[in-house]
Structure formats: C-alpha cells, structure tokens
Amino acid sequence: MNIFLIGIGGALGSITRYLINELFIKHIPGEYSFGILFINILGCFFIGYYLGANLIIVKDSQYYLFVIGFLGSFTTMS
C-alpha cells in the first residue's frame, strides 16, 4: 500500500513541478531558471515544516503520500 501512495504522490509532485517551472519560464525569461530555485526552496520548506510539526515521526499514509511521494518528486529533477 505504501508503494502505491508514494507512486501517486510522485506523479502529482512531478506534474506540479513541471507546471510551475513552465509558468516561471513563460513569465520570467532569463538565463537562469528561477522556477527550479523557487520549487526547491518551497519543497524544502514544506518538508521541514511537516517534519518539524511532527516531532515524533509517525510514518502513516499521509507521510508516504505527501513527504516521500509528492515532495520527494517535487524537489527532484530526474
């Protein structure tokens, strides 16, 4: 079940990363991709916030879907 949640979150995270990056490319043209920088800062903030808010890490379905799946693929470019 956890692998399924990670896969769903990963698919949604990678699609979201692509759409946000394309939005930045369209509206902020330049040599450096500010979209990637924004995405990585935002994703790292949410990972830190989630882990900080849950000091006792309980690896439930929300953890696998959101942190490992969605935010993991959101902040990683393959």
Protein backbone atom coordinates (compact mmCIF):
# COMPACT_ATOMS: atom_id res chain seq x y z
CA MET A 1 0.00 0.00 0.00
CA ASN A 2 2.85 2.40 0.80
CA ILE A 3 4.39 1.93 -2.64
CA PHE A 4 1.06 2.86 -4.23
CA LEU A 5 0.83 6.05 -2.13
CA ILE A 6 4.41 7.00 -3.00
CA GLY A 7 3.67 6.45 -6.70
CA ILE A 8 0.53 8.60 -6.65
CA GLY A 9 2.29 11.35 -4.71
CA GLY A 10 5.31 11.14 -7.00
CA ALA A 11 3.20 11.51 -10.12
CA LEU A 12 1.37 14.53 -8.71
CA GLY A 13 4.61 16.10 -7.48
CA SER A 14 6.39 15.78 -10.81
CA ILE A 15 3.41 17.18 -12.73
CA THR A 16 3.18 20.12 -10.31
CA ARG A 17 6.93 20.75 -10.65
CA TYR A 18 6.64 20.81 -14.44
CA LEU A 19 3.66 23.19 -14.45
CA ILE A 20 5.24 25.65 -12.00
CA ASN A 21 8.52 25.61 -13.91
CA GLU A 22 6.71 26.28 -17.21
CA LEU A 23 4.84 29.15 -15.57
CA PHE A 24 8.13 30.72 -14.48
CA ILE A 25 9.71 30.21 -17.91
CA LYS A 26 6.73 31.89 -19.58
CA HIS A 27 6.58 34.91 -17.26
CA ILE A 28 10.22 35.33 -16.15
CA PRO A 29 12.51 34.64 -19.10
CA GLY A 30 16.22 34.57 -18.48
CA GLU A 31 19.39 32.54 -18.47
CA TYR A 32 18.79 31.08 -15.03
CA SER A 33 15.73 29.03 -14.19
CA PHE A 34 14.13 30.79 -11.25
CA GLY A 35 11.31 28.27 -11.35
CA ILE A 36 13.62 25.44 -10.26
CA LEU A 37 15.03 27.60 -7.46
CA PHE A 38 11.53 28.53 -6.27
CA ILE A 39 10.33 24.93 -6.43
CA ASN A 40 13.27 23.59 -4.44
CA ILE A 41 13.00 26.28 -1.75
CA LEU A 42 9.25 25.77 -1.47
CA GLY A 43 9.53 21.98 -1.34
CA CYS A 44 12.31 22.03 1.27
CA PHE A 45 10.28 24.47 3.36
CA PHE A 46 7.26 22.14 3.36
CA ILE A 47 9.39 19.08 4.17
CA GLY A 48 10.98 20.93 7.08
CA TYR A 49 7.63 22.26 8.26
CA TYR A 50 6.00 18.83 8.16
CA LEU A 51 8.85 17.11 9.95
CA GLY A 52 9.15 19.95 12.49
CA ALA A 53 5.42 19.93 13.23
CA ASN A 54 5.51 16.16 13.74
CA LEU A 55 8.48 15.79 16.06
CA ILE A 56 7.53 12.20 16.74
CA ILE A 57 7.63 10.89 13.20
CA VAL A 58 4.78 8.51 12.63
CA LYS A 59 5.09 7.03 9.19
CA ASP A 60 1.41 6.96 8.30
CA SER A 61 -0.20 7.16 4.87
CA GLN A 62 0.00 10.96 4.88
CA TYR A 63 3.79 10.79 5.35
CA TYR A 64 4.27 8.39 2.43
CA LEU A 65 1.91 10.25 0.10
CA PHE A 66 2.92 13.83 0.86
CA VAL A 67 6.53 13.83 2.08
CA ILE A 68 8.09 10.86 0.33
CA GLY A 69 5.94 10.85 -2.82
CA PHE A 70 4.78 14.38 -3.59
CA LEU A 71 7.54 16.50 -2.06
CA GLY A 72 10.23 13.98 -2.95
CA SER A 73 9.47 14.19 -6.65
CA PHE A 74 8.54 17.89 -6.42
CA THR A 75 12.06 18.80 -5.30
CA THR A 76 13.97 16.32 -7.50
CA MET A 77 14.62 16.63 -11.21
CA SER A 78 15.16 13.31 -12.89
